[in-house]
């Protein structure tokens, strides 16, 4: 069986014969459903704000850490405020490199990472 499908061009009208397909149904097996669920689980990075916070406190002796998940909970974008005495006498670039070296594996798994690094004195002056 064929139906007519009209195709318009600039100069004239053409008719093309296209096959009519019987109504197709869609079904998914339990195995396929499990594979789809596994793929969806892999869509998240597995990185959590608590995991980042604990690693920064442990390895940088951070006195204050605020981590905000900017991606709506899927763990793909984080913004952080980090206060550590290890940032003393370091430029902003050196501070960011220090943080990035501590979180190398986590940063590789996420889409966006925005740290704001302060010394304890800078943090205290900021809040006065």
PDB file of N, CA and C in Angstrom:
ATOM      1  N   UNK A   1       0.832  -1.178   0.000  1.00  0.00           N
ATOM      2  CA  UNK A   1       0.000   0.000   0.000  1.00  0.00           C
ATOM      3  C   UNK A   1       0.878   1.244   0.000  1.00  0.00           C
ATOM      4  N   UNK A   2       0.435   2.207  -0.715  1.00  0.00           N
ATOM      5  CA  UNK A   2       1.155   3.465  -0.787  1.00  0.00           C
ATOM      6  C   UNK A   2       0.181   4.618  -0.588  1.00  0.00           C
ATOM      7  N   UNK A   3       0.696   5.715  -0.046  1.00  0.00           N
ATOM      8  CA  UNK A   3      -0.099   6.937   0.059  1.00  0.00           C
ATOM      9  C   UNK A   3       0.639   8.033  -0.669  1.00  0.00           C
ATOM     10  N   UNK A   4      -0.053   9.119  -0.922  1.00  0.00           N
ATOM     11  CA  UNK A   4       0.583  10.241  -1.583  1.00  0.00           C
ATOM     12  C   UNK A   4       1.020  11.254  -0.544  1.00  0.00           C
ATOM     13  N   UNK A   5       2.245  11.713  -0.635  1.00  0.00           N
ATOM     14  CA  UNK A   5       2.762  12.771   0.223  1.00  0.00           C
ATOM     15  C   UNK A   5       3.174  13.918  -0.680  1.00  0.00           C
ATOM     16  N   UNK A   6       2.622  15.075  -0.417  1.00  0.00           N
ATOM     17  CA  UNK A   6       2.926  16.233  -1.263  1.00  0.00           C
ATOM     18  C   UNK A   6       4.217  16.878  -0.803  1.00  0.00           C
ATOM     19  N   UNK A   7       5.080  17.202  -1.739  1.00  0.00           N
ATOM     20  CA  UNK A   7       6.320  17.904  -1.458  1.00  0.00           C
ATOM     21  C   UNK A   7       6.306  19.181  -2.283  1.00  0.00           C
ATOM     22  N   UNK A   8       6.484  20.298  -1.641  1.00  0.00           N
ATOM     23  CA  UNK A   8       6.449  21.583  -2.319  1.00  0.00           C
ATOM     24  C   UNK A   8       7.856  22.025  -2.674  1.00  0.00           C
ATOM     25  N   UNK A   9       8.034  22.547  -3.835  1.00  0.00           N
ATOM     26  CA  UNK A   9       9.288  23.163  -4.234  1.00  0.00           C
ATOM     27  C   UNK A   9       8.984  24.592  -4.630  1.00  0.00           C
ATOM     28  N   UNK A  10       9.988  25.350  -5.021  1.00  0.00           N
ATOM     29  CA  UNK A  10       9.777  26.744  -5.399  1.00  0.00           C
ATOM     30  C   UNK A  10       8.950  26.883  -6.676  1.00  0.00           C
ATOM     31  N   UNK A  11       9.165  26.001  -7.616  1.00  0.00           N
ATOM     32  CA  UNK A  11       8.528  26.194  -8.922  1.00  0.00           C
ATOM     33  C   UNK A  11       7.276  25.347  -9.122  1.00  0.00           C
ATOM     34  N   UNK A  12       7.249  24.151  -8.602  1.00  0.00           N
ATOM     35  CA  UNK A  12       6.091  23.307  -8.864  1.00  0.00           C
ATOM     36  C   UNK A  12       5.859  22.334  -7.720  1.00  0.00           C
ATOM     37  N   UNK A  13       4.798  21.632  -7.815  1.00  0.00           N
ATOM     38  CA  UNK A  13       4.392  20.703  -6.769  1.00  0.00           C
ATOM     39  C   UNK A  13       4.652  19.276  -7.251  1.00  0.00           C
ATOM     40  N   UNK A  14       5.266  18.465  -6.374  1.00  0.00           N
ATOM     41  CA  UNK A  14       5.566  17.085  -6.712  1.00  0.00           C
ATOM     42  C   UNK A  14       4.813  16.165  -5.766  1.00  0.00           C
ATOM     43  N   UNK A  15       4.479  14.997  -6.261  1.00  0.00           N
ATOM     44  CA  UNK A  15       3.875  13.975  -5.414  1.00  0.00           C
ATOM     45  C   UNK A  15       4.813  12.786  -5.363  1.00  0.00           C
ATOM     46  N   UNK A  16       5.006  12.291  -4.188  1.00  0.00           N
ATOM     47  CA  UNK A  16       5.916  11.172  -3.993  1.00  0.00           C
ATOM     48  C   UNK A  16       5.121  10.047  -3.346  1.00  0.00           C
ATOM     49  N   UNK A  17       5.364   8.872  -3.811  1.00  0.00           N
ATOM     50  CA  UNK A  17       4.711   7.720  -3.194  1.00  0.00           C
ATOM     51  C   UNK A  17       5.578   7.209  -2.053  1.00  0.00           C
ATOM     52  N   UNK A  18       4.993   7.167  -0.871  1.00  0.00           N
ATOM     53  CA  UNK A  18       5.702   6.686   0.309  1.00  0.00           C
ATOM     54  C   UNK A  18       4.942   5.498   0.877  1.00  0.00           C
ATOM     55  N   UNK A  19       5.660   4.483   1.336  1.00  0.00           N
ATOM     56  CA  UNK A  19       4.968   3.314   1.875  1.00  0.00           C
ATOM     57  C   UNK A  19       4.237   3.657   3.182  1.00  0.00           C
ATOM     58  N   UNK A  20       3.087   3.043   3.382  1.00  0.00           N
ATOM     59  CA  UNK A  20       2.352   3.186   4.634  1.00  0.00           C
ATOM     60  C   UNK A  20       2.771   2.029   5.528  1.00  0.00           C
ATOM     61  N   UNK A  21       3.233   2.375   6.707  1.00  0.00           N
ATOM     62  CA  UNK A  21       3.669   1.339   7.637  1.00  0.00           C
ATOM     63  C   UNK A  21       2.527   1.010   8.585  1.00  0.00           C
ATOM     64  N   UNK A  22       2.355  -0.260   8.873  1.00  0.00           N
ATOM     65  CA  UNK A  22       1.319  -0.601   9.848  1.00  0.00           C
ATOM     66  C   UNK A  22       1.687   0.001  11.205  1.00  0.00           C
ATOM     67  N   UNK A  23       0.704   0.206  12.020  1.00  0.00           N
ATOM     68  CA  UNK A  23       0.952   0.802  13.333  1.00  0.00           C
ATOM     69  C   UNK A  23       1.904  -0.104  14.103  1.00  0.00           C
ATOM     70  N   UNK A  24       3.025   0.492  14.523  1.00  0.00           N
ATOM     71  CA  UNK A  24       4.027  -0.285  15.237  1.00  0.00           C
ATOM     72  C   UNK A  24       3.885  -0.046  16.730  1.00  0.00           C
ATOM     73  N   UNK A  25       4.084  -1.068  17.484  1.00  0.00           N
ATOM     74  CA  UNK A  25       4.036  -0.948  18.941  1.00  0.00           C
ATOM     75  C   UNK A  25       5.454  -0.929  19.469  1.00  0.00           C
ATOM     76  N   UNK A  26       5.635  -0.368  20.632  1.00  0.00           N
ATOM     77  CA  UNK A  26       6.955  -0.269  21.247  1.00  0.00           C
ATOM     78  C   UNK A  26       6.914  -1.034  22.558  1.00  0.00           C
ATOM     79  N   UNK A  27       7.826  -1.953  22.709  1.00  0.00           N
ATOM     80  CA  UNK A  27       7.920  -2.675  23.980  1.00  0.00           C
ATOM     81  C   UNK A  27       9.383  -2.759  24.374  1.00  0.00           C
ATOM     82  N   UNK A  28       9.603  -2.877  25.651  1.00  0.00           N
ATOM     83  CA  UNK A  28      10.963  -2.943  26.156  1.00  0.00           C
ATOM     84  C   UNK A  28      11.046  -4.102  27.143  1.00  0.00           C
ATOM     85  N   UNK A  29      12.085  -4.879  27.005  1.00  0.00           N
ATOM     86  CA  UNK A  29      12.238  -6.021  27.891  1.00  0.00           C
ATOM     87  C   UNK A  29      12.823  -5.573  29.227  1.00  0.00           C
ATOM     88  N   UNK A  30      12.745  -6.432  30.204  1.00  0.00           N
ATOM     89  CA  UNK A  30      13.286  -6.111  31.529  1.00  0.00           C
ATOM     90  C   UNK A  30      14.788  -5.875  31.446  1.00  0.00           C
ATOM     91  N   UNK A  31      15.468  -6.633  30.605  1.00  0.00           N
ATOM     92  CA  UNK A  31      16.914  -6.469  30.454  1.00  0.00           C
ATOM     93  C   UNK A  31      17.238  -5.103  29.842  1.00  0.00           C
ATOM     94  N   UNK A  32      16.486  -4.717  28.823  1.00  0.00           N
ATOM     95  CA  UNK A  32      16.693  -3.407  28.203  1.00  0.00           C
ATOM     96  C   UNK A  32      16.374  -2.289  29.182  1.00  0.00           C
ATOM     97  N   UNK A  33      15.315  -2.465  29.965  1.00  0.00           N
ATOM     98  CA  UNK A  33      14.940  -1.460  30.953  1.00  0.00           C
ATOM     99  C   UNK A  33      16.058  -1.283  31.973  1.00  0.00           C
ATOM    100  N   UNK A  34      16.683  -2.369  32.416  1.00  0.00           N
ATOM    101  CA  UNK A  34      17.791  -2.285  33.361  1.00  0.00           C
ATOM    102  C   UNK A  34      18.982  -1.573  32.740  1.00  0.00           C
ATOM    103  N   UNK A  35      19.235  -1.814  31.458  1.00  0.00           N
ATOM    104  CA  UNK A  35      20.346  -1.142  30.781  1.00  0.00           C
ATOM    105  C   UNK A  35      20.094   0.356  30.666  1.00  0.00           C
ATOM    106  N   UNK A  36      18.849   0.744  30.386  1.00  0.00           N
ATOM    107  CA  UNK A  36      18.507   2.162  30.310  1.00  0.00           C
ATOM    108  C   UNK A  36      18.683   2.814  31.681  1.00  0.00           C
ATOM    109  N   UNK A  37      18.226   2.157  32.733  1.00  0.00           N
ATOM    110  CA  UNK A  37      18.387   2.699  34.081  1.00  0.00           C
ATOM    111  C   UNK A  37      19.856   2.837  34.462  1.00  0.00           C
ATOM    112  N   UNK A  38      20.674   1.885  34.072  1.00  0.00           N
ATOM    113  CA  UNK A  38      22.111   1.965  34.369  1.00  0.00           C
ATOM    114  C   UNK A  38      22.743   3.136  33.623  1.00  0.00           C
ATOM    115  N   UNK A  39      22.340   3.350  32.385  1.00  0.00           N
ATOM    116  CA  UNK A  39      22.872   4.474  31.615  1.00  0.00           C
ATOM    117  C   UNK A  39      22.452   5.799  32.235  1.00  0.00           C
ATOM    118  N   UNK A  40      21.238   5.883  32.731  1.00  0.00           N
ATOM    119  CA  UNK A  40      20.766   7.103  33.380  1.00  0.00           C
ATOM    120  C   UNK A  40      21.524   7.349  34.682  1.00  0.00           C
ATOM    121  N   UNK A  41      21.850   6.296  35.400  1.00  0.00           N
ATOM    122  CA  UNK A  41      22.611   6.450  36.642  1.00  0.00           C
ATOM    123  C   UNK A  41      24.011   6.968  36.356  1.00  0.00           C
ATOM    124  N   UNK A  42      24.567   6.592  35.203  1.00  0.00           N
ATOM    125  CA  UNK A  42      25.896   7.061  34.831  1.00  0.00           C
ATOM    126  C   UNK A  42      25.890   8.515  34.382  1.00  0.00           C
ATOM    127  N   UNK A  43      24.706   9.066  34.121  1.00  0.00           N
ATOM    128  CA  UNK A  43      24.611  10.451  33.668  1.00  0.00           C
ATOM    129  C   UNK A  43      25.005  11.426  34.769  1.00  0.00           C
ATOM    130  N   UNK A  44      24.853  11.028  36.028  1.00  0.00           N
ATOM    131  CA  UNK A  44      25.302  11.880  37.125  1.00  0.00           C
ATOM    132  C   UNK A  44      26.770  11.608  37.379  1.00  0.00           C
ATOM    133  N   UNK A  45      27.459  12.583  37.934  1.00  0.00           N
ATOM    134  CA  UNK A  45      28.902  12.458  38.097  1.00  0.00           C
ATOM    135  C   UNK A  45      29.292  11.591  39.290  1.00  0.00           C
ATOM    136  N   UNK A  46      28.389  11.436  40.254  1.00  0.00           N
ATOM    137  CA  UNK A  46      28.727  10.705  41.466  1.00  0.00           C
ATOM    138  C   UNK A  46      29.464  11.560  42.480  1.00  0.00           C
ATOM    139  N   UNK A  47      29.759  12.802  42.130  1.00  0.00           N
ATOM    140  CA  UNK A  47      30.436  13.728  43.029  1.00  0.00           C
ATOM    141  C   UNK A  47      29.369  14.442  43.847  1.00  0.00           C
ATOM    142  N   UNK A  48      29.587  14.495  45.170  1.00  0.00           N
ATOM    143  CA  UNK A  48      28.629  15.165  46.045  1.00  0.00           C
ATOM    144  C   UNK A  48      29.296  16.341  46.754  1.00  0.00           C
ATOM    145  N   UNK A  49      28.472  17.265  47.197  1.00  0.00           N
ATOM    146  CA  UNK A  49      28.974  18.424  47.933  1.00  0.00           C
ATOM    147  C   UNK A  49      29.633  17.982  49.240  1.00  0.00           C
ATOM    148  N   UNK A  50      29.061  17.001  49.908  1.00  0.00           N
ATOM    149  CA  UNK A  50      29.640  16.510  51.168  1.00  0.00           C
ATOM    150  C   UNK A  50      30.998  15.853  50.945  1.00  0.00           C
ATOM    151  N   UNK A  51      31.127  15.109  49.857  1.00  0.00           N
ATOM    152  CA  UNK A  51      32.405  14.483  49.536  1.00  0.00           C
ATOM    153  C   UNK A  51      33.490  15.512  49.254  1.00  0.00           C
ATOM    154  N   UNK A  52      33.138  16.541  48.498  1.00  0.00           N
ATOM    155  CA  UNK A  52      34.098  17.617  48.220  1.00  0.00           C
ATOM    156  C   UNK A  52      34.488  18.332  49.512  1.00  0.00           C
ATOM    157  N   UNK A  53      33.498  18.639  50.343  1.00  0.00           N
ATOM    158  CA  UNK A  53      33.744  19.348  51.604  1.00  0.00           C
ATOM    159  C   UNK A  53      34.693  18.558  52.506  1.00  0.00           C
ATOM    160  N   UNK A  54      34.427  17.274  52.668  1.00  0.00           N
ATOM    161  CA  UNK A  54      35.268  16.475  53.568  1.00  0.00           C
ATOM    162  C   UNK A  54      36.700  16.355  53.050  1.00  0.00           C
ATOM    163  N   UNK A  55      36.863  16.227  51.746  1.00  0.00           N
ATOM    164  CA  UNK A  55      38.210  16.118  51.181  1.00  0.00           C
ATOM    165  C   UNK A  55      38.989  17.418  51.339  1.00  0.00           C
ATOM    166  N   UNK A  56      38.328  18.555  51.147  1.00  0.00           N
ATOM    167  CA  UNK A  56      38.993  19.851  51.310  1.00  0.00           C
ATOM    168  C   UNK A  56      39.379  20.100  52.766  1.00  0.00           C
ATOM    169  N   UNK A  57      38.498  19.757  53.682  1.00  0.00           N
ATOM    170  CA  UNK A  57      38.803  19.937  55.106  1.00  0.00           C
ATOM    171  C   UNK A  57      39.972  19.047  55.516  1.00  0.00           C
ATOM    172  N   UNK A  58      39.967  17.826  55.040  1.00  0.00           N
ATOM    173  CA  UNK A  58      41.005  16.865  55.402  1.00  0.00           C
ATOM    174  C   UNK A  58      42.376  17.227  54.820  1.00  0.00           C
ATOM    175  N   UNK A  59      42.418  17.565  53.530  1.00  0.00           N
ATOM    176  CA  UNK A  59      43.712  17.733  52.869  1.00  0.00           C
ATOM    177  C   UNK A  59      44.245  19.160  52.890  1.00  0.00           C
ATOM    178  N   UNK A  60      43.367  20.147  53.055  1.00  0.00           N
ATOM    179  CA  UNK A  60      43.831  21.538  53.092  1.00  0.00           C
ATOM    180  C   UNK A  60      43.726  22.157  54.485  1.00  0.00           C
ATOM    181  N   UNK A  61      43.286  21.366  55.450  1.00  0.00           N
ATOM    182  CA  UNK A  61      43.053  21.872  56.795  1.00  0.00           C
ATOM    183  C   UNK A  61      42.177  23.128  56.731  1.00  0.00           C
ATOM    184  N   UNK A  62      41.162  23.074  55.897  1.00  0.00           N
ATOM    185  CA  UNK A  62      40.277  24.215  55.698  1.00  0.00           C
ATOM    186  C   UNK A  62      39.469  24.480  56.957  1.00  0.00           C
ATOM    187  N   UNK A  63      39.374  25.743  57.315  1.00  0.00           N
ATOM    188  CA  UNK A  63      38.620  26.140  58.500  1.00  0.00           C
ATOM    189  C   UNK A  63      37.148  26.353  58.177  1.00  0.00           C
ATOM    190  N   UNK A  64      36.867  26.700  56.944  1.00  0.00           N
ATOM    191  CA  UNK A  64      35.489  26.936  56.526  1.00  0.00           C
ATOM    192  C   UNK A  64      35.352  26.521  55.065  1.00  0.00           C
ATOM    193  N   UNK A  65      34.334  25.716  54.773  1.00  0.00           N
ATOM    194  CA  UNK A  65      34.082  25.281  53.399  1.00  0.00           C
ATOM    195  C   UNK A  65      32.572  25.344  53.144  1.00  0.00           C
ATOM    196  N   UNK A  66      32.192  26.055  52.116  1.00  0.00           N
ATOM    197  CA  UNK A  66      30.804  26.086  51.644  1.00  0.00           C
ATOM    198  C   UNK A  66      30.803  25.555  50.223  1.00  0.00           C
ATOM    199  N   UNK A  67      30.004  24.529  49.979  1.00  0.00           N
ATOM    200  CA  UNK A  67      29.895  23.953  48.641  1.00  0.00           C
ATOM    201  C   UNK A  67      28.433  24.076  48.217  1.00  0.00           C
ATOM    202  N   UNK A  68      28.206  24.613  47.016  1.00  0.00           N
ATOM    203  CA  UNK A  68      26.852  24.737  46.488  1.00  0.00           C
ATOM    204  C   UNK A  68      26.774  24.005  45.157  1.00  0.00           C
ATOM    205  N   UNK A  69      25.797  23.101  45.055  1.00  0.00           N
ATOM    206  CA  UNK A  69      25.575  22.376  43.809  1.00  0.00           C
ATOM    207  C   UNK A  69      24.741  23.268  42.894  1.00  0.00           C
ATOM    208  N   UNK A  70      25.357  23.770  41.836  1.00  0.00           N
ATOM    209  CA  UNK A  70      24.703  24.703  40.919  1.00  0.00           C
ATOM    210  C   UNK A  70      23.923  23.985  39.810  1.00  0.00           C
ATOM    211  N   UNK A  71      23.987  22.654  39.788  1.00  0.00           N
ATOM    212  CA  UNK A  71      23.368  21.905  38.689  1.00  0.00           C
ATOM    213  C   UNK A  71      21.998  21.356  39.049  1.00  0.00           C
ATOM    214  N   UNK A  72      21.455  21.748  40.171  1.00  0.00           N
ATOM    215  CA  UNK A  72      20.132  21.259  40.530  1.00  0.00           C
ATOM    216  C   UNK A  72      20.127  19.856  41.096  1.00  0.00           C
ATOM    217  N   UNK A  73      21.231  19.396  41.610  1.00  0.00           N
ATOM    218  CA  UNK A  73      21.279  18.099  42.264  1.00  0.00           C
ATOM    219  C   UNK A  73      21.905  16.969  41.472  1.00  0.00           C
ATOM    220  N   UNK A  74      22.255  17.178  40.223  1.00  0.00           N
ATOM    221  CA  UNK A  74      22.829  16.075  39.446  1.00  0.00           C
ATOM    222  C   UNK A  74      24.340  15.969  39.623  1.00  0.00           C
ATOM    223  N   UNK A  75      24.967  16.912  40.325  1.00  0.00           N
ATOM    224  CA  UNK A  75      26.390  16.809  40.609  1.00  0.00           C
ATOM    225  C   UNK A  75      27.293  17.135  39.449  1.00  0.00           C
ATOM    226  N   UNK A  76      26.900  18.068  38.593  1.00  0.00           N
ATOM    227  CA  UNK A  76      27.722  18.425  37.440  1.00  0.00           C
ATOM    228  C   UNK A  76      28.383  19.785  37.544  1.00  0.00           C
ATOM    229  N   UNK A  77      27.907  20.645  38.464  1.00  0.00           N
ATOM    230  CA  UNK A  77      28.476  21.991  38.589  1.00  0.00           C
ATOM    231  C   UNK A  77      28.463  22.407  40.053  1.00  0.00           C
ATOM    232  N   UNK A  78      29.625  22.835  40.537  1.00  0.00           N
ATOM    233  CA  UNK A  78      29.756  23.223  41.934  1.00  0.00           C
ATOM    234  C   UNK A  78      30.436  24.577  42.055  1.00  0.00           C
ATOM    235  N   UNK A  79      30.027  25.311  43.079  1.00  0.00           N
ATOM    236  CA  UNK A  79      30.660  26.573  43.443  1.00  0.00           C
ATOM    237  C   UNK A  79      31.096  26.412  44.891  1.00  0.00           C
ATOM    238  N   UNK A  80      32.309  26.882  45.225  1.00  0.00           N
ATOM    239  CA  UNK A  80      32.836  26.659  46.560  1.00  0.00           C
ATOM    240  C   UNK A  80      33.485  27.911  47.133  1.00  0.00           C
ATOM    241  N   UNK A  81      33.361  28.049  48.445  1.00  0.00           N
ATOM    242  CA  UNK A  81      34.100  29.045  49.216  1.00  0.00           C
ATOM    243  C   UNK A  81      34.970  28.246  50.172  1.00  0.00           C
ATOM    244  N   UNK A  82      36.290  28.479  50.092  1.00  0.00           N
ATOM    245  CA  UNK A  82      37.249  27.706  50.884  1.00  0.00           C
ATOM    246  C   UNK A  82      38.126  28.672  51.657  1.00  0.00           C
ATOM    247  N   UNK A  83      38.204  28.462  52.980  1.00  0.00           N
ATOM    248  CA  UNK A  83      39.049  29.289  53.841  1.00  0.00           C
ATOM    249  C   UNK A  83      40.092  28.363  54.467  1.00  0.00           C
ATOM    250  N   UNK A  84      41.359  28.620  54.157  1.00  0.00           N
ATOM    251  CA  UNK A  84      42.429  27.759  54.650  1.00  0.00           C
ATOM    252  C   UNK A  84      43.686  28.569  54.933  1.00  0.00           C
ATOM    253  N   UNK A  85      44.393  28.229  56.022  1.00  0.00           N
ATOM    254  CA  UNK A  85      45.668  28.902  56.281  1.00  0.00           C
ATOM    255  C   UNK A  85      46.755  28.539  55.260  1.00  0.00           C
ATOM    256  N   UNK A  86      46.556  27.474  54.499  1.00  0.00           N
ATOM    257  CA  UNK A  86      47.528  27.091  53.470  1.00  0.00           C
ATOM    258  C   UNK A  86      47.551  28.075  52.303  1.00  0.00           C
ATOM    259  N   UNK A  87      46.588  28.982  52.243  1.00  0.00           N
ATOM    260  CA  UNK A  87      46.553  29.972  51.169  1.00  0.00           C
ATOM    261  C   UNK A  87      47.401  31.201  51.469  1.00  0.00           C
ATOM    262  N   UNK A  88      47.982  31.267  52.671  1.00  0.00           N
ATOM    263  CA  UNK A  88      48.829  32.415  53.042  1.00  0.00           C
ATOM    264  C   UNK A  88      49.978  32.553  52.054  1.00  0.00           C
ATOM    265  N   UNK A  89      50.260  33.779  51.650  1.00  0.00           N
ATOM    266  CA  UNK A  89      51.374  34.126  50.764  1.00  0.00           C
ATOM    267  C   UNK A  89      51.315  33.429  49.412  1.00  0.00           C
ATOM    268  N   UNK A  90      50.098  33.087  48.964  1.00  0.00           N
ATOM    269  CA  UNK A  90      49.924  32.477  47.652  1.00  0.00           C
ATOM    270  C   UNK A  90      49.041  33.401  46.814  1.00  0.00           C
ATOM    271  N   UNK A  91      49.347  33.466  45.533  1.00  0.00           N
ATOM    272  CA  UNK A  91      48.496  34.232  44.622  1.00  0.00           C
ATOM    273  C   UNK A  91      47.189  33.472  44.422  1.00  0.00           C
ATOM    274  N   UNK A  92      46.213  34.142  43.835  1.00  0.00           N
ATOM    275  CA  UNK A  92      44.917  33.492  43.578  1.00  0.00           C
ATOM    276  C   UNK A  92      45.099  32.291  42.661  1.00  0.00           C
ATOM    277  N   UNK A  93      45.959  32.414  41.657  1.00  0.00           N
ATOM    278  CA  UNK A  93      46.219  31.300  40.750  1.00  0.00           C
ATOM    279  C   UNK A  93      46.837  30.116  41.494  1.00  0.00           C
ATOM    280  N   UNK A  94      47.786  30.389  42.372  1.00  0.00           N
ATOM    281  CA  UNK A  94      48.423  29.310  43.148  1.00  0.00           C
ATOM    282  C   UNK A  94      47.410  28.641  44.080  1.00  0.00           C
ATOM    283  N   UNK A  95      46.497  29.413  44.641  1.00  0.00           N
ATOM    284  CA  UNK A  95      45.447  28.846  45.509  1.00  0.00           C
ATOM    285  C   UNK A  95      44.536  27.918  44.708  1.00  0.00           C
ATOM    286  N   UNK A  96      44.136  28.377  43.544  1.00  0.00           N
ATOM    287  CA  UNK A  96      43.257  27.552  42.707  1.00  0.00           C
ATOM    288  C   UNK A  96      43.973  26.283  42.256  1.00  0.00           C
ATOM    289  N   UNK A  97      45.242  26.392  41.927  1.00  0.00           N
ATOM    290  CA  UNK A  97      46.000  25.198  41.535  1.00  0.00           C
ATOM    291  C   UNK A  97      46.117  24.207  42.684  1.00  0.00           C
ATOM    292  N   UNK A  98      46.277  24.717  43.902  1.00  0.00           N
ATOM    293  CA  UNK A  98      46.354  23.852  45.080  1.00  0.00           C
ATOM    294  C   UNK A  98      45.040  23.104  45.274  1.00  0.00           C
ATOM    295  N   UNK A  99      43.929  23.820  45.195  1.00  0.00           N
ATOM    296  CA  UNK A  99      42.612  23.197  45.348  1.00  0.00           C
ATOM    297  C   UNK A  99      42.365  22.195  44.224  1.00  0.00           C
ATOM    298  N   UNK A 100      42.688  22.576  42.992  1.00  0.00           N
ATOM    299  CA  UNK A 100      42.479  21.678  41.856  1.00  0.00           C
ATOM    300  C   UNK A 100      43.326  20.421  41.938  1.00  0.00           C
ATOM    301  N   UNK A 101      44.518  20.527  42.519  1.00  0.00           N
ATOM    302  CA  UNK A 101      45.354  19.327  42.669  1.00  0.00           C
ATOM    303  C   UNK A 101      44.764  18.374  43.710  1.00  0.00           C
ATOM    304  N   UNK A 102      44.140  18.926  44.733  1.00  0.00           N
ATOM    305  CA  UNK A 102      43.506  18.088  45.761  1.00  0.00           C
ATOM    306  C   UNK A 102      42.279  17.382  45.184  1.00  0.00           C
ATOM    307  N   UNK A 103      41.517  18.075  44.342  1.00  0.00           N
ATOM    308  CA  UNK A 103      40.266  17.544  43.801  1.00  0.00           C
ATOM    309  C   UNK A 103      40.384  17.122  42.333  1.00  0.00           C
ATOM    310  N   UNK A 104      41.538  16.657  41.937  1.00  0.00           N
ATOM    311  CA  UNK A 104      41.790  16.346  40.528  1.00  0.00           C
ATOM    312  C   UNK A 104      40.787  15.337  39.965  1.00  0.00           C
ATOM    313  N   UNK A 105      40.553  14.241  40.639  1.00  0.00           N
ATOM    314  CA  UNK A 105      39.637  13.206  40.141  1.00  0.00           C
ATOM    315  C   UNK A 105      38.197  13.716  40.107  1.00  0.00           C
ATOM    316  N   UNK A 106      37.806  14.453  41.125  1.00  0.00           N
ATOM    317  CA  UNK A 106      36.438  14.968  41.187  1.00  0.00           C
ATOM    318  C   UNK A 106      36.177  16.004  40.100  1.00  0.00           C
ATOM    319  N   UNK A 107      37.151  16.880  39.865  1.00  0.00           N
ATOM    320  CA  UNK A 107      36.988  17.918  38.852  1.00  0.00           C
ATOM    321  C   UNK A 107      36.910  17.292  37.457  1.00  0.00           C
ATOM    322  N   UNK A 108      37.619  16.202  37.259  1.00  0.00           N
ATOM    323  CA  UNK A 108      37.565  15.520  35.961  1.00  0.00           C
ATOM    324  C   UNK A 108      36.187  14.901  35.705  1.00  0.00           C
ATOM    325  N   UNK A 109      35.448  14.599  36.772  1.00  0.00           N
ATOM    326  CA  UNK A 109      34.148  13.941  36.627  1.00  0.00           C
ATOM    327  C   UNK A 109      32.984  14.914  36.497  1.00  0.00           C
ATOM    328  N   UNK A 110      33.210  16.198  36.765  1.00  0.00           N
ATOM    329  CA  UNK A 110      32.112  17.160  36.721  1.00  0.00           C
ATOM    330  C   UNK A 110      32.272  18.116  35.544  1.00  0.00           C
ATOM    331  N   UNK A 111      31.269  18.931  35.347  1.00  0.00           N
ATOM    332  CA  UNK A 111      31.278  19.865  34.213  1.00  0.00           C
ATOM    333  C   UNK A 111      31.876  21.225  34.580  1.00  0.00           C
ATOM    334  N   UNK A 112      31.537  21.738  35.762  1.00  0.00           N
ATOM    335  CA  UNK A 112      31.983  23.080  36.130  1.00  0.00           C
ATOM    336  C   UNK A 112      32.389  23.129  37.600  1.00  0.00           C
ATOM    337  N   UNK A 113      33.476  23.840  37.869  1.00  0.00           N
ATOM    338  CA  UNK A 113      34.017  23.981  39.226  1.00  0.00           C
ATOM    339  C   UNK A 113      34.470  25.420  39.403  1.00  0.00           C
ATOM    340  N   UNK A 114      33.913  26.122  40.404  1.00  0.00           N
ATOM    341  CA  UNK A 114      34.258  27.514  40.653  1.00  0.00           C
ATOM    342  C   UNK A 114      34.648  27.692  42.118  1.00  0.00           C
ATOM    343  N   UNK A 115      35.960  27.693  42.424  1.00  0.00           N
ATOM    344  CA  UNK A 115      36.374  27.917  43.816  1.00  0.00           C
ATOM    345  C   UNK A 115      36.630  29.396  44.099  1.00  0.00           C
ATOM    346  N   UNK A 116      36.354  29.798  45.311  1.00  0.00           N
ATOM    347  CA  UNK A 116      36.730  31.118  45.815  1.00  0.00           C
ATOM    348  C   UNK A 116      37.560  30.841  47.061  1.00  0.00           C
ATOM    349  N   UNK A 117      38.826  31.204  47.015  1.00  0.00           N
ATOM    350  CA  UNK A 117      39.777  30.839  48.060  1.00  0.00           C
ATOM    351  C   UNK A 117      40.170  32.058  48.888  1.00  0.00           C
ATOM    352  N   UNK A 118      40.093  31.920  50.225  1.00  0.00           N
ATOM    353  CA  UNK A 118      40.428  33.013  51.129  1.00  0.00           C
ATOM    354  C   UNK A 118      41.323  32.508  52.249  1.00  0.00           C
ATOM    355  N   UNK A 119      42.189  33.390  52.735  1.00  0.00           N
ATOM    356  CA  UNK A 119      42.926  33.108  53.969  1.00  0.00           C
ATOM    357  C   UNK A 119      41.970  33.406  55.121  1.00  0.00           C
ATOM    358  N   UNK A 120      42.258  32.910  56.320  1.00  0.00           N
ATOM    359  CA  UNK A 120      41.383  33.217  57.460  1.00  0.00           C
ATOM    360  C   UNK A 120      41.263  34.729  57.721  1.00  0.00           C
ATOM    361  N   UNK A 121      42.350  35.480  57.538  1.00  0.00           N
ATOM    362  CA  UNK A 121      42.301  36.929  57.749  1.00  0.00           C
ATOM    363  C   UNK A 121      41.408  37.609  56.706  1.00  0.00           C
ATOM    364  N   UNK A 122      41.510  37.176  55.453  1.00  0.00           N
ATOM    365  CA  UNK A 122      40.672  37.751  54.407  1.00  0.00           C
ATOM    366  C   UNK A 122      39.198  37.440  54.662  1.00  0.00           C
ATOM    367  N   UNK A 123      38.933  36.235  55.082  1.00  0.00           N
ATOM    368  CA  UNK A 123      37.556  35.832  55.363  1.00  0.00           C
ATOM    369  C   UNK A 123      36.967  36.635  56.516  1.00  0.00           C
ATOM    370  N   UNK A 124      37.777  36.824  57.555  1.00  0.00           N
ATOM    371  CA  UNK A 124      37.310  37.592  58.700  1.00  0.00           C
ATOM    372  C   UNK A 124      37.073  39.057  58.314  1.00  0.00           C
ATOM    373  N   UNK A 125      37.955  39.647  57.532  1.00  0.00           N
ATOM    374  CA  UNK A 125      37.802  41.027  57.085  1.00  0.00           C
ATOM    375  C   UNK A 125      36.575  41.176  56.174  1.00  0.00           C
ATOM    376  N   UNK A 126      36.282  40.141  55.409  1.00  0.00           N
ATOM    377  CA  UNK A 126      35.130  40.159  54.506  1.00  0.00           C
ATOM    378  C   UNK A 126      33.807  40.202  55.263  1.00  0.00           C
ATOM    379  N   UNK A 127      33.797  39.610  56.453  1.00  0.00           N
ATOM    380  CA  UNK A 127      32.569  39.513  57.234  1.00  0.00           C
ATOM    381  C   UNK A 127      32.473  40.547  58.351  1.00  0.00           C
ATOM    382  N   UNK A 128      33.307  41.548  58.325  1.00  0.00           N
ATOM    383  CA  UNK A 128      33.204  42.611  59.333  1.00  0.00           C
ATOM    384  C   UNK A 128      32.568  43.835  58.779  1.00  0.00           C
TER     385      UNK A 128
END
